């Protein structure tokens, strides 16, 4: 396959994923008032919700680190590259699908900064899904010599 994904685009995607991990606590606390909502749950459910929040934050951060530190390896067209880029692509495609399917039903606070932030974050999510899906397809086609 002659087409490849530029390293700079993978790195930008990685930096964006790290940014989402770092901004995640701010969004939960200041935009969604998440912590007050979680306090209404039973103690075990509070811990489960917090744990899943940390998983999301950790995955976003790790996926970003992988993109930055292993840019070339993500394009090797090996079985591992197929598997890893497929996992990351499905994660972000699932995030975008969830955003589209469920989140429009809810209102974010109407401050201008939150509206702009919402568009910015959704643009990042689409970027992550697109870059990682392109990487996955590149690896899949190259590894299995489909073209």
Protein backbone atom coordinates (compact mmCIF):
# COMPACT_ATOMS: atom_id res chain seq x y z
CA UNK A 1 0.00 0.00 0.00
CA UNK A 2 1.53 3.31 -1.11
CA UNK A 3 -0.48 5.59 1.14
CA UNK A 4 0.69 6.16 4.68
CA UNK A 5 -0.42 8.26 7.61
CA UNK A 6 2.01 11.11 8.37
CA UNK A 7 3.88 10.84 11.66
CA UNK A 8 2.95 14.40 12.59
CA UNK A 9 -0.76 13.54 12.39
CA UNK A 10 -0.32 10.53 14.68
CA UNK A 11 1.65 12.68 17.14
CA UNK A 12 -0.98 15.46 17.07
CA UNK A 13 -3.60 12.81 17.78
CA UNK A 14 -1.47 11.49 20.63
CA UNK A 15 -1.04 14.95 22.14
CA UNK A 16 -4.80 15.47 21.87
CA UNK A 17 -5.49 12.20 23.65
CA UNK A 18 -3.17 13.21 26.49
CA UNK A 19 -4.92 16.60 26.60
CA UNK A 20 -8.30 14.88 26.96
CA UNK A 21 -6.95 12.84 29.87
CA UNK A 22 -5.62 15.94 31.61
CA UNK A 23 -8.74 18.05 31.03
CA UNK A 24 -11.13 15.23 31.99
CA UNK A 25 -11.28 16.06 35.75
CA UNK A 26 -11.99 19.73 34.98
CA UNK A 27 -14.84 18.81 32.63
CA UNK A 28 -16.37 16.39 35.11
CA UNK A 29 -16.19 18.88 37.96
CA UNK A 30 -16.86 22.26 36.34
CA UNK A 31 -19.01 21.42 33.34
CA UNK A 32 -21.05 18.44 34.45
CA UNK A 33 -20.99 18.77 38.25
CA UNK A 34 -20.25 15.06 38.14
CA UNK A 35 -18.98 14.71 41.69
CA UNK A 36 -22.22 15.98 43.22
CA UNK A 37 -24.20 13.54 41.08
CA UNK A 38 -21.93 10.66 42.10
CA UNK A 39 -22.44 11.51 45.79
CA UNK A 40 -26.10 10.54 45.36
CA UNK A 41 -25.12 6.94 44.56
CA UNK A 42 -24.61 4.17 47.09
CA UNK A 43 -20.98 4.00 48.30
CA UNK A 44 -20.05 0.98 46.19
CA UNK A 45 -21.59 2.55 43.08
CA UNK A 46 -19.70 5.77 43.83
CA UNK A 47 -16.43 3.84 43.79
CA UNK A 48 -17.38 2.00 40.60
CA UNK A 49 -18.22 5.29 38.85
CA UNK A 50 -14.95 6.86 40.02
CA UNK A 51 -13.00 3.77 38.94
CA UNK A 52 -14.50 3.84 35.45
CA UNK A 53 -13.71 7.54 35.24
CA UNK A 54 -10.09 6.77 36.06
CA UNK A 55 -10.05 3.97 33.48
CA UNK A 56 -11.22 6.39 30.81
CA UNK A 57 -8.67 8.98 31.85
CA UNK A 58 -5.90 6.37 31.97
CA UNK A 59 -6.75 4.89 28.59
CA UNK A 60 -6.83 8.30 26.94
CA UNK A 61 -3.43 9.13 28.45
CA UNK A 62 -1.88 5.76 27.54
CA UNK A 63 -3.23 5.81 23.99
CA UNK A 64 -1.70 9.27 23.61
CA UNK A 65 1.67 8.10 24.96
CA UNK A 66 1.63 5.11 22.62
CA UNK A 67 0.95 7.38 19.65
CA UNK A 68 3.81 9.72 20.57
CA UNK A 69 6.40 7.16 21.66
CA UNK A 70 5.65 4.40 19.14
CA UNK A 71 4.61 6.37 16.06
CA UNK A 72 6.67 4.27 13.66
CA UNK A 73 5.71 0.98 15.29
CA UNK A 74 2.02 1.83 14.89
CA UNK A 75 2.61 1.75 11.12
CA UNK A 76 4.62 -1.49 10.92
CA UNK A 77 1.71 -3.50 9.50
CA UNK A 78 2.50 -6.29 11.97
CA UNK A 79 -0.18 -8.37 13.65
CA UNK A 80 0.42 -6.40 16.85
CA UNK A 81 0.02 -3.09 15.00
CA UNK A 82 -3.25 -4.37 13.52
CA UNK A 83 -4.51 -5.42 16.96
CA UNK A 84 -3.44 -2.27 18.82
CA UNK A 85 -4.62 0.23 16.23
CA UNK A 86 -7.86 -1.74 15.92
CA UNK A 87 -8.40 -1.51 19.67
CA UNK A 88 -7.68 2.21 19.79
CA UNK A 89 -9.82 2.86 16.71
CA UNK A 90 -12.79 0.95 18.16
CA UNK A 91 -12.42 2.83 21.45
CA UNK A 92 -12.64 6.23 19.73
CA UNK A 93 -15.28 5.21 17.17
CA UNK A 94 -17.35 3.96 20.12
CA UNK A 95 -16.81 7.28 21.89
CA UNK A 96 -17.95 9.25 18.84
CA UNK A 97 -20.97 6.98 18.35
CA UNK A 98 -21.90 7.42 22.01
CA UNK A 99 -21.55 11.21 21.68
CA UNK A 100 -23.89 11.23 18.70
CA UNK A 101 -26.41 8.71 20.03
CA UNK A 102 -26.77 9.78 23.65
CA UNK A 103 -25.13 13.08 24.52
CA UNK A 104 -27.30 15.40 22.39
CA UNK A 105 -30.18 14.53 24.75
CA UNK A 106 -28.38 16.37 27.55
CA UNK A 107 -27.60 20.03 27.88
CA UNK A 108 -24.20 21.35 28.77
CA UNK A 109 -24.10 24.64 30.66
CA UNK A 110 -24.73 27.50 28.27
CA UNK A 111 -21.57 29.49 29.00
CA UNK A 112 -19.75 30.34 25.78
CA UNK A 113 -16.52 28.67 26.94
CA UNK A 114 -18.36 25.37 27.48
CA UNK A 115 -20.06 25.56 24.09
CA UNK A 116 -16.75 26.21 22.36
CA UNK A 117 -15.13 23.49 24.44
CA UNK A 118 -17.84 21.04 23.45
CA UNK A 119 -17.21 21.63 19.74
CA UNK A 120 -13.44 21.44 20.30
CA UNK A 121 -13.64 18.16 22.23
CA UNK A 122 -16.00 16.58 19.71
CA UNK A 123 -13.63 17.62 16.91
CA UNK A 124 -10.78 15.96 18.81
CA UNK A 125 -12.80 12.77 19.27
CA UNK A 126 -13.53 12.61 15.54
CA UNK A 127 -9.84 13.23 14.82
CA UNK A 128 -8.83 10.37 17.14
CA UNK A 129 -11.38 8.03 15.58
CA UNK A 130 -10.34 8.98 12.05
CA UNK A 131 -6.57 8.77 12.56
CA UNK A 132 -6.75 5.47 14.41
CA UNK A 133 -9.21 3.94 11.98
CA UNK A 134 -6.93 4.97 9.11
CA UNK A 135 -3.97 3.41 10.94
CA UNK A 136 -5.94 0.23 11.55
CA UNK A 137 -6.98 -0.07 7.91
CA UNK A 138 -3.44 0.69 6.74
CA UNK A 139 -2.06 -2.04 9.01
CA UNK A 140 -4.82 -4.51 8.20
CA UNK A 141 -4.45 -4.11 4.43
CA UNK A 142 -0.65 -4.23 4.62
CA UNK A 143 -0.42 -7.16 7.00
CA UNK A 144 -2.88 -9.35 5.14
CA UNK A 145 -1.86 -8.00 1.71
CA UNK A 146 -5.47 -7.25 0.85
CA UNK A 147 -4.66 -4.86 -2.00
